[in-house]
Amino acid sequence: MNLRRSKKNKAAMELFGDCSLIFDDERPTLSCNLFDSMRVDISLTCSICLDTVFDPVSLSCGHILCYLCCCSTASVTIVDGLKSADHKSKCPLCRQQGVFPDAVHLDELNMLLSHSCPEYWEKRMQSERVERVRLAKEHWESQCRAFLGI
């Protein structure tokens, strides 16, 4: 979470009340005013791939990353998922242990981002789909080899 004051000249799309999605230099930020005195800006840039979070997941420590980036960092396959991550695995940002098994998919944020930048989202979805198919294929091939004893 990035606590900083936002500039007034950013193009913002109002979500509800005092929250908005702000695109600054193509990097989205979810910005909320709290209690009329504090502004909370949550960066929606994945710290692993340095792109806008795709299929976002919030770790139990509060950091938001892409699902594929989380799986890669936790050393689990996308088929096994984050629930199968080792409880000793650490958040790549704050180094807190055991943050992956309790991770939560942020489906509403995913929908908000997909509706806010549809062209980008379509391109990203196509590349993610290719990567997920490749990873799933690798997983099942390794499972077959293990089963056959190869």
Protein backbone atom coordinates (compact mmCIF):
# COMPACT_ATOMS: atom_id res chain seq x y z
CA MET A 1 0.00 0.00 0.00
CA ASN A 2 1.35 3.36 -0.94
CA LEU A 3 0.25 6.22 1.34
CA ARG A 4 0.81 9.47 -0.49
CA ARG A 5 -1.12 12.53 -1.54
CA SER A 6 -2.35 12.47 -5.14
CA LYS A 7 -2.18 15.41 -7.52
CA LYS A 8 -5.50 16.96 -8.53
CA ASN A 9 -4.77 16.95 -12.27
CA LYS A 10 -4.90 13.16 -12.72
CA ALA A 11 -7.66 11.73 -14.86
CA ALA A 12 -9.83 9.74 -12.50
CA MET A 13 -12.81 7.52 -12.98
CA GLU A 14 -15.18 7.84 -10.03
CA LEU A 15 -16.10 4.49 -8.53
CA PHE A 16 -18.23 5.37 -5.58
CA GLY A 17 -18.16 8.18 -3.05
CA ASP A 18 -14.58 9.02 -2.26
CA CYS A 19 -12.83 6.24 -4.23
CA SER A 20 -11.50 6.42 -7.75
CA LEU A 21 -9.30 4.53 -10.18
CA ILE A 22 -6.48 6.79 -11.34
CA PHE A 23 -4.28 6.14 -14.36
CA ASP A 24 -1.00 7.99 -13.96
CA ASP A 25 1.60 7.24 -16.65
CA GLU A 26 -0.40 4.11 -17.59
CA ARG A 27 -0.03 2.80 -14.02
CA PRO A 28 -3.34 2.45 -12.21
CA THR A 29 -3.85 3.39 -8.58
CA LEU A 30 -6.94 2.83 -6.48
CA SER A 31 -7.36 6.01 -4.47
CA CYS A 32 -9.70 6.43 -1.50
CA ASN A 33 -10.37 9.30 0.87
CA LEU A 34 -10.83 8.19 4.45
CA PHE A 35 -12.42 10.26 7.18
CA ASP A 36 -12.03 13.52 5.22
CA SER A 37 -8.42 13.76 6.35
CA MET A 38 -6.43 10.93 4.82
CA ARG A 39 -6.02 9.69 1.28
CA VAL A 40 -4.97 6.08 0.69
CA ASP A 41 -3.48 5.22 -2.68
CA ILE A 42 -3.10 1.53 -3.46
CA SER A 43 -0.72 0.83 -6.31
CA LEU A 44 -2.15 -1.67 -8.76
CA THR A 45 1.24 -2.43 -10.29
CA CYS A 46 2.55 -5.92 -9.63
CA SER A 47 5.94 -5.73 -7.94
CA ILE A 48 7.05 -8.94 -9.65
CA CYS A 49 6.26 -8.34 -13.34
CA LEU A 50 6.05 -4.52 -12.99
CA ASP A 51 2.82 -4.46 -14.98
CA THR A 52 -0.78 -3.76 -14.02
CA VAL A 53 -2.00 -6.58 -11.78
CA PHE A 54 -3.83 -9.24 -13.76
CA ASP A 55 -6.06 -11.72 -11.97
CA PRO A 56 -5.05 -9.89 -8.77
CA VAL A 57 -4.46 -11.69 -5.51
CA SER A 58 -4.10 -10.09 -2.11
CA LEU A 59 -1.65 -11.89 0.14
CA SER A 60 -2.43 -12.12 3.84
CA CYS A 61 0.18 -9.40 4.44
CA GLY A 62 -1.84 -7.05 2.22
CA HIS A 63 0.37 -6.91 -0.87
CA ILE A 64 -1.39 -7.24 -4.23
CA LEU A 65 0.23 -9.27 -7.01
CA CYS A 66 -0.77 -11.09 -10.19
CA TYR A 67 -1.91 -14.68 -9.67
CA LEU A 68 0.77 -16.10 -11.99
CA CYS A 69 3.44 -14.02 -10.26
CA CYS A 70 2.25 -15.30 -6.87
CA CYS A 71 2.35 -18.91 -8.04
CA SER A 72 5.83 -18.42 -9.43
CA THR A 73 7.08 -16.73 -6.26
CA ALA A 74 5.50 -19.40 -4.03
CA SER A 75 7.01 -22.16 -6.22
CA VAL A 76 3.64 -23.79 -6.90
CA THR A 77 1.95 -24.62 -10.18
CA ILE A 78 -1.18 -22.81 -11.27
CA VAL A 79 -2.94 -26.18 -11.17
CA ASP A 80 -2.03 -26.79 -7.52
CA GLY A 81 -2.73 -23.17 -6.58
CA LEU A 82 -1.59 -20.97 -3.73
CA LYS A 83 -3.30 -23.10 -1.07
CA SER A 84 -0.59 -25.70 -1.66
CA ALA A 85 2.24 -23.23 -1.01
CA ASP A 86 4.72 -23.99 1.75
CA HIS A 87 3.82 -22.19 4.97
CA LYS A 88 7.45 -21.10 5.24
CA SER A 89 7.36 -19.30 1.89
CA LYS A 90 7.71 -15.54 2.24
CA CYS A 91 6.16 -12.50 0.64
CA PRO A 92 8.67 -11.14 -1.89
CA LEU A 93 8.11 -7.60 -0.60
CA CYS A 94 7.86 -7.69 3.19
CA ARG A 95 9.35 -11.18 3.76
CA GLN A 96 6.45 -12.24 6.02
CA GLN A 97 6.05 -16.03 6.15
CA GLY A 98 2.95 -18.03 5.29
CA VAL A 99 1.18 -15.39 3.21
CA PHE A 100 0.32 -17.52 0.17
CA PRO A 101 -2.12 -20.16 1.52
CA ASP A 102 -4.50 -17.47 2.80
CA ALA A 103 -4.32 -15.32 -0.34
CA VAL A 104 -7.60 -13.96 -1.67
CA HIS A 105 -8.55 -13.44 -5.32
CA LEU A 106 -9.73 -9.89 -5.93
CA ASP A 107 -12.39 -10.62 -8.53
CA GLU A 108 -14.10 -7.22 -8.20
CA LEU A 109 -10.81 -5.42 -8.79
CA ASN A 110 -10.17 -7.66 -11.79
CA MET A 111 -13.57 -6.71 -13.25
CA LEU A 112 -13.01 -3.02 -12.54
CA LEU A 113 -9.66 -3.03 -14.32
CA SER A 114 -11.00 -5.04 -17.27
CA HIS A 115 -13.82 -2.52 -17.79
CA SER A 116 -11.54 0.49 -17.32
CA CYS A 117 -8.96 -0.45 -19.95
CA PRO A 118 -10.56 -3.05 -22.26
CA GLU A 119 -7.98 -2.93 -25.10
CA TYR A 120 -5.07 -3.52 -22.76
CA TRP A 121 -7.01 -6.17 -20.87
CA GLU A 122 -7.81 -8.13 -24.02
CA LYS A 123 -4.14 -8.22 -25.08
CA ARG A 124 -3.04 -9.18 -21.59
CA MET A 125 -5.71 -11.89 -21.37
CA GLN A 126 -4.49 -13.45 -24.60
CA SER A 127 -0.87 -13.56 -23.43
CA GLU A 128 -1.90 -14.85 -19.99
CA ARG A 129 -4.00 -17.57 -21.59
CA VAL A 130 -1.02 -18.77 -23.62
CA GLU A 131 1.16 -18.80 -20.50
CA ARG A 132 -1.45 -20.64 -18.42
CA VAL A 133 -1.88 -23.31 -21.09
CA ARG A 134 1.89 -23.74 -21.26
CA LEU A 135 2.17 -24.04 -17.47
CA ALA A 136 -0.76 -26.46 -17.22
CA LYS A 137 0.72 -28.59 -19.99
CA GLU A 138 4.09 -28.67 -18.20
CA HIS A 139 2.38 -29.67 -14.97
CA TRP A 140 0.41 -32.54 -16.48
CA GLU A 141 3.40 -33.78 -18.46
CA SER A 142 5.46 -33.91 -15.27
CA GLN A 143 2.60 -35.71 -13.50
CA CYS A 144 2.43 -38.28 -16.31
CA ARG A 145 6.21 -38.80 -16.22
CA ALA A 146 6.08 -39.27 -12.44
CA PHE A 147 3.20 -41.73 -12.76
CA LEU A 148 5.00 -43.72 -15.45
CA GLY A 149 8.30 -43.57 -13.58
CA ILE A 150 10.12 -41.85 -16.41
